Amino acid sequence: ECCSGDLADLKVKSVDVEAWSPRQKKYFEVGSCSNLGDAQARRLKIRV
């Protein structure tokens, strides 16, 4: 789970998916999932 200070300004909530590296013996980022609420829609005028 990305903490508040790691969230880009448009994001409401974000989670990174990290893969296991047996060589490094740790996980590293391979993807990121973000909910941006209506921020992008407001800027781009995307209405329903």
All heavy atoms as atom14 arrays in JSON, in Angstrom:
{
  "sequence": "ECCSGDLADLKVKSVDVEAWSPRQKKYFEVGSCSNLGDAQARRLKIRV",
  "atom14_mask": [
    [1, 1, 1, 1, 1, 1, 1, 1, 1, 0, 0, 0, 0, 0],
    [1, 1, 1, 1, 1, 1, 0, 0, 0, 0, 0, 0, 0, 0],
    [1, 1, 1, 1, 1, 1, 0, 0, 0, 0, 0, 0, 0, 0],
    [1, 1, 1, 1, 1, 1, 0, 0, 0, 0, 0, 0, 0, 0],
    [1, 1, 1, 1, 0, 0, 0, 0, 0, 0, 0, 0, 0, 0],
    [1, 1, 1, 1, 1, 1, 1, 1, 0, 0, 0, 0, 0, 0],
    [1, 1, 1, 1, 1, 1, 1, 1, 0, 0, 0, 0, 0, 0],
    [1, 1, 1, 1, 1, 0, 0, 0, 0, 0, 0, 0, 0, 0],
    [1, 1, 1, 1, 1, 1, 1, 1, 0, 0, 0, 0, 0, 0],
    [1, 1, 1, 1, 1, 1, 1, 1, 0, 0, 0, 0, 0, 0],
    [1, 1, 1, 1, 1, 1, 1, 1, 1, 0, 0, 0, 0, 0],
    [1, 1, 1, 1, 1, 1, 1, 0, 0, 0, 0, 0, 0, 0],
    [1, 1, 1, 1, 1, 1, 1, 1, 1, 0, 0, 0, 0, 0],
    [1, 1, 1, 1, 1, 1, 0, 0, 0, 0, 0, 0, 0, 0],
    [1, 1, 1, 1, 1, 1, 1, 0, 0, 0, 0, 0, 0, 0],
    [1, 1, 1, 1, 1, 1, 1, 1, 0, 0, 0, 0, 0, 0],
    [1, 1, 1, 1, 1, 1, 1, 0, 0, 0, 0, 0, 0, 0],
    [1, 1, 1, 1, 1, 1, 1, 1, 1, 0, 0, 0, 0, 0],
    [1, 1, 1, 1, 1, 0, 0, 0, 0, 0, 0, 0, 0, 0],
    [1, 1, 1, 1, 1, 1, 1, 1, 1, 1, 1, 1, 1, 1],
    [1, 1, 1, 1, 1, 1, 0, 0, 0, 0, 0, 0, 0, 0],
    [1, 1, 1, 1, 1, 1, 1, 0, 0, 0, 0, 0, 0, 0],
    [1, 1, 1, 1, 1, 1, 1, 1, 1, 1, 1, 0, 0, 0],
    [1, 1, 1, 1, 1, 1, 1, 1, 1, 0, 0, 0, 0, 0],
    [1, 1, 1, 1, 1, 1, 1, 1, 1, 0, 0, 0, 0, 0],
    [1, 1, 1, 1, 1, 1, 1, 1, 1, 0, 0, 0, 0, 0],
    [1, 1, 1, 1, 1, 1, 1, 1, 1, 1, 1, 1, 0, 0],
    [1, 1, 1, 1, 1, 1, 1, 1, 1, 1, 1, 0, 0, 0],
    [1, 1, 1, 1, 1, 1, 1, 1, 1, 0, 0, 0, 0, 0],
    [1, 1, 1, 1, 1, 1, 1, 0, 0, 0, 0, 0, 0, 0],
    [1, 1, 1, 1, 0, 0, 0, 0, 0, 0, 0, 0, 0, 0],
    [1, 1, 1, 1, 1, 1, 0, 0, 0, 0, 0, 0, 0, 0],
    [1, 1, 1, 1, 1, 1, 0, 0, 0, 0, 0, 0, 0, 0],
    [1, 1, 1, 1, 1, 1, 0, 0, 0, 0, 0, 0, 0, 0],
    [1, 1, 1, 1, 1, 1, 1, 1, 0, 0, 0, 0, 0, 0],
    [1, 1, 1, 1, 1, 1, 1, 1, 0, 0, 0, 0, 0, 0],
    [1, 1, 1, 1, 0, 0, 0, 0, 0, 0, 0, 0, 0, 0],
    [1, 1, 1, 1, 1, 1, 1, 1, 0, 0, 0, 0, 0, 0],
    [1, 1, 1, 1, 1, 0, 0, 0, 0, 0, 0, 0, 0, 0],
    [1, 1, 1, 1, 1, 1, 1, 1, 1, 0, 0, 0, 0, 0],
    [1, 1, 1, 1, 1, 0, 0, 0, 0, 0, 0, 0, 0, 0],
    [1, 1, 1, 1, 1, 1, 1, 1, 1, 1, 1, 0, 0, 0],
    [1, 1, 1, 1, 1, 1, 1, 1, 1, 1, 1, 0, 0, 0],
    [1, 1, 1, 1, 1, 1, 1, 1, 0, 0, 0, 0, 0, 0],
    [1, 1, 1, 1, 1, 1, 1, 1, 1, 0, 0, 0, 0, 0],
    [1, 1, 1, 1, 1, 1, 1, 1, 0, 0, 0, 0, 0, 0],
    [1, 1, 1, 1, 1, 1, 1, 1, 1, 1, 1, 0, 0, 0],
    [1, 1, 1, 1, 1, 1, 1, 0, 0, 0, 0, 0, 0, 0]
  ],
  "atom14_positions": [
    [[0.84, -1.2, 0.0], [0.0, 0.0, 0.0], [0.88, 1.25, 0.0], [1.76, 1.41, 0.85], [-0.9, 0.02, 1.24], [-1.68, 1.29, 1.4], [-3.14, 1.21, 0.99], [-3.74, 0.17, 1.19], [-3.68, 2.18, 0.51], [0.0, 0.0, 0.0], [0.0, 0.0, 0.0], [0.0, 0.0, 0.0], [0.0, 0.0, 0.0], [0.0, 0.0, 0.0]],
    [[0.66, 2.13, -0.97], [1.44, 3.37, -1.04], [0.96, 4.34, 0.04], [-0.25, 4.59, 0.16], [1.3, 4.01, -2.41], [1.98, 2.98, -3.73], [0.0, 0.0, 0.0], [0.0, 0.0, 0.0], [0.0, 0.0, 0.0], [0.0, 0.0, 0.0], [0.0, 0.0, 0.0], [0.0, 0.0, 0.0], [0.0, 0.0, 0.0], [0.0, 0.0, 0.0]],
    [[1.9, 4.88, 0.8], [1.54, 5.83, 1.85], [1.25, 7.2, 1.24], [1.52, 7.44, 0.05], [2.64, 5.92, 2.9], [4.16, 6.72, 2.32], [0.0, 0.0, 0.0], [0.0, 0.0, 0.0], [0.0, 0.0, 0.0], [0.0, 0.0, 0.0], [0.0, 0.0, 0.0], [0.0, 0.0, 0.0], [0.0, 0.0, 0.0], [0.0, 0.0, 0.0]],
    [[0.74, 8.11, 2.06], [0.29, 9.42, 1.58], [1.37, 10.2, 0.85], [1.12, 10.81, -0.18], [-0.24, 10.24, 2.76], [0.76, 10.37, 3.78], [0.0, 0.0, 0.0], [0.0, 0.0, 0.0], [0.0, 0.0, 0.0], [0.0, 0.0, 0.0], [0.0, 0.0, 0.0], [0.0, 0.0, 0.0], [0.0, 0.0, 0.0], [0.0, 0.0, 0.0]],
    [[2.6, 10.17, 1.38], [3.69, 10.94, 0.78], [4.2, 10.37, -0.53], [4.92, 11.04, -1.27], [0.0, 0.0, 0.0], [0.0, 0.0, 0.0], [0.0, 0.0, 0.0], [0.0, 0.0, 0.0], [0.0, 0.0, 0.0], [0.0, 0.0, 0.0], [0.0, 0.0, 0.0], [0.0, 0.0, 0.0], [0.0, 0.0, 0.0], [0.0, 0.0, 0.0]],
    [[3.85, 9.11, -0.82], [4.3, 8.44, -2.04], [3.26, 8.51, -3.15], [3.51, 8.07, -4.26], [4.65, 6.97, -1.73], [5.4, 6.29, -2.88], [6.22, 6.97, -3.53], [5.17, 5.08, -3.12], [0.0, 0.0, 0.0], [0.0, 0.0, 0.0], [0.0, 0.0, 0.0], [0.0, 0.0, 0.0], [0.0, 0.0, 0.0], [0.0, 0.0, 0.0]],
    [[2.08, 9.06, -2.83], [1.02, 9.15, -3.83], [1.21, 10.37, -4.71], [1.39, 11.48, -4.22], [-0.35, 9.27, -3.15], [-1.0, 8.0, -2.58], [-2.36, 8.34, -2.01], [-1.14, 6.93, -3.63], [0.0, 0.0, 0.0], [0.0, 0.0, 0.0], [0.0, 0.0, 0.0], [0.0, 0.0, 0.0], [0.0, 0.0, 0.0], [0.0, 0.0, 0.0]],
    [[1.16, 10.18, -6.02], [1.14, 11.32, -6.94], [-0.1, 12.16, -6.66], [-1.11, 11.65, -6.15], [1.15, 10.84, -8.39], [0.0, 0.0, 0.0], [0.0, 0.0, 0.0], [0.0, 0.0, 0.0], [0.0, 0.0, 0.0], [0.0, 0.0, 0.0], [0.0, 0.0, 0.0], [0.0, 0.0, 0.0], [0.0, 0.0, 0.0], [0.0, 0.0, 0.0]],
    [[-0.05, 13.44, -7.02], [-1.08, 14.39, -6.6], [-2.5, 14.05, -7.05], [-3.47, 14.4, -6.41], [-0.72, 15.81, -7.07], [0.33, 16.46, -6.17], [0.65, 15.88, -5.11], [0.82, 17.55, -6.53], [0.0, 0.0, 0.0], [0.0, 0.0, 0.0], [0.0, 0.0, 0.0], [0.0, 0.0, 0.0], [0.0, 0.0, 0.0], [0.0, 0.0, 0.0]],
    [[-2.64, 13.37, -8.19], [-3.98, 13.06, -8.68], [-4.59, 11.82, -8.03], [-5.79, 11.6, -8.12], [-3.98, 12.86, -10.2], [-4.16, 14.14, -11.05], [-2.89, 14.94, -11.09], [-4.58, 13.78, -12.47], [0.0, 0.0, 0.0], [0.0, 0.0, 0.0], [0.0, 0.0, 0.0], [0.0, 0.0, 0.0], [0.0, 0.0, 0.0], [0.0, 0.0, 0.0]],
    [[-3.76, 11.03, -7.35], [-4.22, 9.71, -6.88], [-4.98, 9.78, -5.55], [-4.61, 10.51, -4.65], [-3.03, 8.76, -6.75], [-2.38, 8.42, -8.1], [-1.21, 7.47, -7.93], [-0.56, 7.16, -9.29], [0.58, 6.22, -9.15], [0.0, 0.0, 0.0], [0.0, 0.0, 0.0], [0.0, 0.0, 0.0], [0.0, 0.0, 0.0], [0.0, 0.0, 0.0]],
    [[-6.01, 8.95, -5.47], [-6.79, 8.79, -4.25], [-6.22, 7.66, -3.4], [-6.18, 7.73, -2.17], [-8.28, 8.49, -4.6], [-9.09, 8.12, -3.37], [-8.91, 9.68, -5.31], [0.0, 0.0, 0.0], [0.0, 0.0, 0.0], [0.0, 0.0, 0.0], [0.0, 0.0, 0.0], [0.0, 0.0, 0.0], [0.0, 0.0, 0.0], [0.0, 0.0, 0.0]],
    [[-5.77, 6.61, -4.08], [-5.28, 5.41, -3.42], [-4.47, 4.62, -4.44], [-4.79, 4.61, -5.64], [-6.46, 4.57, -2.93], [-6.14, 3.41, -1.97], [-7.42, 2.77, -1.46], [-7.19, 1.48, -0.68], [-6.52, 1.74, 0.63], [0.0, 0.0, 0.0], [0.0, 0.0, 0.0], [0.0, 0.0, 0.0], [0.0, 0.0, 0.0], [0.0, 0.0, 0.0]],
    [[-3.39, 3.96, -3.97], [-2.54, 3.22, -4.9], [-1.89, 2.04, -4.19], [-1.55, 2.11, -3.01], [-1.47, 4.16, -5.48], [-0.8, 3.57, -6.55], [0.0, 0.0, 0.0], [0.0, 0.0, 0.0], [0.0, 0.0, 0.0], [0.0, 0.0, 0.0], [0.0, 0.0, 0.0], [0.0, 0.0, 0.0], [0.0, 0.0, 0.0], [0.0, 0.0, 0.0]],
    [[-1.71, 0.96, -4.95], [-1.01, -0.22, -4.42], [0.01, -0.67, -5.46], [-0.27, -0.67, -6.66], [-2.01, -1.36, -4.08], [-2.75, -1.87, -5.31], [-1.32, -2.51, -3.37], [0.0, 0.0, 0.0], [0.0, 0.0, 0.0], [0.0, 0.0, 0.0], [0.0, 0.0, 0.0], [0.0, 0.0, 0.0], [0.0, 0.0, 0.0], [0.0, 0.0, 0.0]],
    [[1.22, -0.97, -5.0], [2.25, -1.52, -5.87], [2.21, -3.04, -5.78], [2.02, -3.6, -4.7], [3.65, -1.03, -5.47], [3.87, 0.44, -5.8], [3.14, 0.99, -6.64], [4.79, 1.04, -5.22], [0.0, 0.0, 0.0], [0.0, 0.0, 0.0], [0.0, 0.0, 0.0], [0.0, 0.0, 0.0], [0.0, 0.0, 0.0], [0.0, 0.0, 0.0]],
    [[2.4, -3.69, -6.92], [2.62, -5.13, -6.93], [4.13, -5.34, -7.11], [4.73, -4.8, -8.04], [1.83, -5.82, -8.05], [2.16, -7.32, -8.1], [0.32, -5.63, -7.84], [0.0, 0.0, 0.0], [0.0, 0.0, 0.0], [0.0, 0.0, 0.0], [0.0, 0.0, 0.0], [0.0, 0.0, 0.0], [0.0, 0.0, 0.0], [0.0, 0.0, 0.0]],
    [[4.72, -6.1, -6.18], [6.16, -6.35, -6.23], [6.41, -7.84, -6.41], [5.73, -8.68, -5.82], [6.83, -5.86, -4.94], [6.73, -4.35, -4.73], [7.63, -3.88, -3.6], [7.91, -4.66, -2.67], [8.06, -2.71, -3.64], [0.0, 0.0, 0.0], [0.0, 0.0, 0.0], [0.0, 0.0, 0.0], [0.0, 0.0, 0.0], [0.0, 0.0, 0.0]],
    [[7.4, -8.16, -7.26], [7.76, -9.56, -7.52], [8.97, -9.93, -6.68], [9.83, -9.11, -6.37], [8.06, -9.75, -9.0], [0.0, 0.0, 0.0], [0.0, 0.0, 0.0], [0.0, 0.0, 0.0], [0.0, 0.0, 0.0], [0.0, 0.0, 0.0], [0.0, 0.0, 0.0], [0.0, 0.0, 0.0], [0.0, 0.0, 0.0], [0.0, 0.0, 0.0]],
    [[9.05, -11.2, -6.34], [10.17, -11.72, -5.55], [11.4, -11.88, -6.44], [11.33, -12.41, -7.54], [9.79, -13.07, -4.94], [10.91, -13.78, -4.24], [11.53, -14.94, -4.61], [11.56, -13.37, -3.02], [12.52, -15.28, -3.71], [12.56, -14.32, -2.71], [11.4, -12.29, -2.16], [13.37, -14.23, -1.59], [12.23, -12.18, -1.03], [13.19, -13.15, -0.77]],
    [[12.53, -11.39, -5.92], [13.82, -11.59, -6.57], [14.64, -12.55, -5.72], [15.18, -12.14, -4.68], [14.57, -10.26, -6.73], [15.94, -10.51, -7.04], [0.0, 0.0, 0.0], [0.0, 0.0, 0.0], [0.0, 0.0, 0.0], [0.0, 0.0, 0.0], [0.0, 0.0, 0.0], [0.0, 0.0, 0.0], [0.0, 0.0, 0.0], [0.0, 0.0, 0.0]],
    [[14.76, -13.82, -6.13], [15.57, -14.75, -5.33], [17.05, -14.36, -5.32], [17.76, -14.71, -4.38], [15.35, -16.1, -6.02], [14.74, -15.8, -7.34], [14.07, -14.48, -7.24], [0.0, 0.0, 0.0], [0.0, 0.0, 0.0], [0.0, 0.0, 0.0], [0.0, 0.0, 0.0], [0.0, 0.0, 0.0], [0.0, 0.0, 0.0], [0.0, 0.0, 0.0]],
    [[17.5, -13.62, -6.32], [18.91, -13.2, -6.33], [19.16, -12.13, -5.28], [20.13, -12.21, -4.54], [19.29, -12.68, -7.72], [20.81, -12.59, -7.93], [21.14, -11.85, -9.21], [21.03, -10.43, -9.01], [21.97, -9.7, -8.44], [23.08, -10.24, -8.01], [21.79, -8.41, -8.29], [0.0, 0.0, 0.0], [0.0, 0.0, 0.0], [0.0, 0.0, 0.0]],
    [[18.26, -11.13, -5.24], [18.41, -10.05, -4.26], [17.86, -10.42, -2.88], [18.13, -9.73, -1.9], [17.68, -8.8, -4.74], [18.19, -8.2, -6.03], [17.37, -6.96, -6.37], [17.46, -5.93, -5.7], [16.57, -7.04, -7.42], [0.0, 0.0, 0.0], [0.0, 0.0, 0.0], [0.0, 0.0, 0.0], [0.0, 0.0, 0.0], [0.0, 0.0, 0.0]],
    [[17.04, -11.5, -2.83], [16.35, -11.92, -1.6], [15.43, -10.82, -1.08], [15.34, -10.54, 0.12], [17.35, -12.35, -0.51], [18.27, -13.5, -0.94], [19.24, -13.86, 0.15], [20.22, -14.95, -0.26], [21.06, -14.6, -1.45], [0.0, 0.0, 0.0], [0.0, 0.0, 0.0], [0.0, 0.0, 0.0], [0.0, 0.0, 0.0], [0.0, 0.0, 0.0]],
    [[14.77, -10.17, -2.02], [13.78, -9.13, -1.67], [12.8, -8.96, -2.82], [13.01, -9.48, -3.92], [14.47, -7.81, -1.32], [15.14, -7.12, -2.49], [15.67, -5.74, -2.07], [16.08, -4.93, -3.31], [16.54, -3.58, -2.97], [0.0, 0.0, 0.0], [0.0, 0.0, 0.0], [0.0, 0.0, 0.0], [0.0, 0.0, 0.0], [0.0, 0.0, 0.0]],
    [[11.73, -8.21, -2.56], [10.74, -7.91, -3.59], [11.1, -6.6, -4.29], [11.72, -5.72, -3.7], [9.35, -7.78, -2.97], [8.78, -9.07, -2.41], [9.04, -9.46, -1.1], [7.97, -9.89, -3.19], [8.51, -10.64, -0.58], [7.43, -11.06, -2.69], [7.71, -11.43, -1.39], [7.18, -12.6, -0.88], [0.0, 0.0, 0.0], [0.0, 0.0, 0.0]],
    [[10.68, -6.49, -5.57], [10.88, -5.22, -6.28], [9.64, -4.93, -7.13], [8.93, -5.84, -7.55], [12.16, -5.23, -7.13], [12.13, -6.17, -8.31], [11.81, -5.71, -9.58], [12.45, -7.51, -8.15], [11.8, -6.57, -10.68], [12.43, -8.39, -9.25], [12.11, -7.91, -10.5], [0.0, 0.0, 0.0], [0.0, 0.0, 0.0], [0.0, 0.0, 0.0]],
    [[9.42, -3.65, -7.4], [8.18, -3.21, -8.05], [8.09, -3.69, -9.5], [9.03, -3.52, -10.28], [8.06, -1.69, -8.01], [6.72, -1.17, -8.56], [6.66, 0.34, -8.7], [7.41, 1.05, -7.98], [5.87, 0.81, -9.53], [0.0, 0.0, 0.0], [0.0, 0.0, 0.0], [0.0, 0.0, 0.0], [0.0, 0.0, 0.0], [0.0, 0.0, 0.0]],
    [[6.94, -4.27, -9.86], [6.7, -4.66, -11.25], [5.39, -4.07, -11.79], [5.07, -4.23, -12.97], [6.67, -6.2, -11.41], [8.07, -6.78, -11.29], [5.7, -6.86, -10.43], [0.0, 0.0, 0.0], [0.0, 0.0, 0.0], [0.0, 0.0, 0.0], [0.0, 0.0, 0.0], [0.0, 0.0, 0.0], [0.0, 0.0, 0.0], [0.0, 0.0, 0.0]],
    [[4.63, -3.4, -10.94], [3.38, -2.8, -11.41], [2.75, -1.95, -10.34], [3.11, -2.04, -9.16], [0.0, 0.0, 0.0], [0.0, 0.0, 0.0], [0.0, 0.0, 0.0], [0.0, 0.0, 0.0], [0.0, 0.0, 0.0], [0.0, 0.0, 0.0], [0.0, 0.0, 0.0], [0.0, 0.0, 0.0], [0.0, 0.0, 0.0], [0.0, 0.0, 0.0]],
    [[1.84, -1.08, -10.76], [1.18, -0.18, -9.83], [-0.27, 0.0, -10.23], [-0.58, 0.18, -11.41], [1.91, 1.18, -9.85], [1.37, 2.04, -8.88], [0.0, 0.0, 0.0], [0.0, 0.0, 0.0], [0.0, 0.0, 0.0], [0.0, 0.0, 0.0], [0.0, 0.0, 0.0], [0.0, 0.0, 0.0], [0.0, 0.0, 0.0], [0.0, 0.0, 0.0]],
    [[-1.17, -0.06, -9.23], [-2.61, 0.09, -9.45], [-3.07, 1.35, -8.74], [-2.78, 1.53, -7.56], [-3.35, -1.14, -8.9], [-5.15, -1.03, -9.0], [0.0, 0.0, 0.0], [0.0, 0.0, 0.0], [0.0, 0.0, 0.0], [0.0, 0.0, 0.0], [0.0, 0.0, 0.0], [0.0, 0.0, 0.0], [0.0, 0.0, 0.0], [0.0, 0.0, 0.0]],
    [[-3.82, 2.2, -9.44], [-4.21, 3.49, -8.87], [-5.67, 3.81, -9.12], [-6.19, 3.58, -10.21], [-3.35, 4.62, -9.46], [-1.99, 4.4, -9.18], [0.0, 0.0, 0.0], [0.0, 0.0, 0.0], [0.0, 0.0, 0.0], [0.0, 0.0, 0.0], [0.0, 0.0, 0.0], [0.0, 0.0, 0.0], [0.0, 0.0, 0.0], [0.0, 0.0, 0.0]],
    [[-6.3, 4.37, -8.09], [-7.63, 4.96, -8.21], [-7.44, 6.47, -8.17], [-6.89, 7.01, -7.22], [-8.52, 4.49, -7.03], [-9.96, 4.96, -7.16], [-10.26, 5.91, -7.89], [-10.87, 4.31, -6.44], [0.0, 0.0, 0.0], [0.0, 0.0, 0.0], [0.0, 0.0, 0.0], [0.0, 0.0, 0.0], [0.0, 0.0, 0.0], [0.0, 0.0, 0.0]],
    [[-7.9, 7.15, -9.22], [-7.7, 8.6, -9.32], [-8.98, 9.39, -9.05], [-9.02, 10.61, -9.26], [-7.13, 8.97, -10.69], [-5.72, 8.38, -10.9], [-5.77, 7.19, -11.83], [-4.74, 9.41, -11.39], [0.0, 0.0, 0.0], [0.0, 0.0, 0.0], [0.0, 0.0, 0.0], [0.0, 0.0, 0.0], [0.0, 0.0, 0.0], [0.0, 0.0, 0.0]],
    [[-10.01, 8.66, -8.56], [-11.28, 9.35, -8.3], [-11.75, 10.07, -9.56], [-11.65, 9.54, -10.67], [0.0, 0.0, 0.0], [0.0, 0.0, 0.0], [0.0, 0.0, 0.0], [0.0, 0.0, 0.0], [0.0, 0.0, 0.0], [0.0, 0.0, 0.0], [0.0, 0.0, 0.0], [0.0, 0.0, 0.0], [0.0, 0.0, 0.0], [0.0, 0.0, 0.0]],
    [[-12.23, 11.32, -9.39], [-12.7, 12.07, -10.56], [-11.69, 13.12, -11.04], [-12.02, 13.98, -11.86], [-14.05, 12.74, -10.27], [-13.99, 13.79, -9.14], [-12.87, 14.15, -8.69], [-15.06, 14.26, -8.7], [0.0, 0.0, 0.0], [0.0, 0.0, 0.0], [0.0, 0.0, 0.0], [0.0, 0.0, 0.0], [0.0, 0.0, 0.0], [0.0, 0.0, 0.0]],
    [[-10.43, 13.05, -10.54], [-9.44, 14.09, -10.86], [-9.15, 14.17, -12.36], [-9.14, 15.25, -12.96], [-8.14, 13.85, -10.08], [0.0, 0.0, 0.0], [0.0, 0.0, 0.0], [0.0, 0.0, 0.0], [0.0, 0.0, 0.0], [0.0, 0.0, 0.0], [0.0, 0.0, 0.0], [0.0, 0.0, 0.0], [0.0, 0.0, 0.0], [0.0, 0.0, 0.0]],
    [[-8.87, 13.02, -13.0], [-8.59, 13.04, -14.44], [-9.84, 13.42, -15.23], [-9.76, 14.19, -16.2], [-8.09, 11.66, -14.9], [-6.7, 11.33, -14.38], [-6.23, 9.94, -14.82], [-7.03, 9.01, -14.95], [-4.94, 9.77, -15.02], [0.0, 0.0, 0.0], [0.0, 0.0, 0.0], [0.0, 0.0, 0.0], [0.0, 0.0, 0.0], [0.0, 0.0, 0.0]],
    [[-10.99, 12.92, -14.8], [-12.24, 13.23, -15.49], [-12.57, 14.72, -15.39], [-13.06, 15.33, -16.35], [-13.38, 12.4, -14.9], [0.0, 0.0, 0.0], [0.0, 0.0, 0.0], [0.0, 0.0, 0.0], [0.0, 0.0, 0.0], [0.0, 0.0, 0.0], [0.0, 0.0, 0.0], [0.0, 0.0, 0.0], [0.0, 0.0, 0.0], [0.0, 0.0, 0.0]],
    [[-12.26, 15.33, -14.25], [-12.51, 16.77, -14.07], [-11.61, 17.57, -15.02], [-12.07, 18.51, -15.67], [-12.23, 17.17, -12.61], [-12.63, 18.62, -12.28], [-12.33, 18.93, -10.82], [-13.01, 18.02, -9.93], [-14.3, 18.06, -9.63], [-15.04, 19.01, -10.14], [-14.85, 17.17, -8.84], [0.0, 0.0, 0.0], [0.0, 0.0, 0.0], [0.0, 0.0, 0.0]],
    [[-10.36, 17.19, -15.09], [-9.42, 17.92, -15.95], [-9.73, 17.73, -17.44], [-9.56, 18.65, -18.24], [-7.99, 17.44, -15.67], [-7.44, 17.91, -14.34], [-6.02, 17.44, -14.17], [-5.35, 18.12, -13.06], [-4.04, 18.23, -12.94], [-3.26, 17.76, -13.84], [-3.52, 18.87, -11.9], [0.0, 0.0, 0.0], [0.0, 0.0, 0.0], [0.0, 0.0, 0.0]],
    [[-10.17, 16.54, -17.81], [-10.39, 16.24, -19.22], [-11.87, 16.37, -19.62], [-12.22, 16.1, -20.77], [-9.9, 14.82, -19.54], [-8.38, 14.61, -19.45], [-8.04, 13.13, -19.6], [-7.65, 15.42, -20.49], [0.0, 0.0, 0.0], [0.0, 0.0, 0.0], [0.0, 0.0, 0.0], [0.0, 0.0, 0.0], [0.0, 0.0, 0.0], [0.0, 0.0, 0.0]],
    [[-12.71, 16.76, -18.67], [-14.15, 16.94, -18.92], [-14.79, 15.64, -19.42], [-15.43, 15.6, -20.48], [-14.4, 18.09, -19.92], [-13.79, 19.43, -19.5], [-14.2, 20.52, -20.48], [-13.61, 21.86, -20.07], [-12.45, 22.23, -20.64], [0.0, 0.0, 0.0], [0.0, 0.0, 0.0], [0.0, 0.0, 0.0], [0.0, 0.0, 0.0], [0.0, 0.0, 0.0]],
    [[-14.58, 14.56, -18.67], [-15.18, 13.26, -18.98], [-16.4, 13.07, -18.09], [-16.27, 12.84, -16.88], [-14.19, 12.09, -18.78], [-12.9, 12.33, -19.59], [-14.84, 10.76, -19.17], [-11.78, 11.35, -19.27], [0.0, 0.0, 0.0], [0.0, 0.0, 0.0], [0.0, 0.0, 0.0], [0.0, 0.0, 0.0], [0.0, 0.0, 0.0], [0.0, 0.0, 0.0]],
    [[-17.58, 13.24, -18.68], [-18.81, 13.19, -17.88], [-19.67, 12.0, -18.25], [-19.54, 11.43, -19.34], [-19.6, 14.49, -18.08], [-18.96, 15.68, -17.38], [-19.43, 17.0, -17.94], [-18.91, 17.19, -19.29], [-18.7, 18.33, -19.87], [-18.94, 19.39, -19.24], [-18.24, 18.44, -21.1], [0.0, 0.0, 0.0], [0.0, 0.0, 0.0], [0.0, 0.0, 0.0]],
    [[-20.51, 11.65, -17.3], [-21.45, 10.54, -17.49], [-22.86, 11.12, -17.45], [-23.17, 11.95, -16.6], [-21.29, 9.48, -16.37], [-22.29, 8.34, -16.57], [-19.86, 8.96, -16.33], [0.0, 0.0, 0.0], [0.0, 0.0, 0.0], [0.0, 0.0, 0.0], [0.0, 0.0, 0.0], [0.0, 0.0, 0.0], [0.0, 0.0, 0.0], [0.0, 0.0, 0.0]]
  ]
}
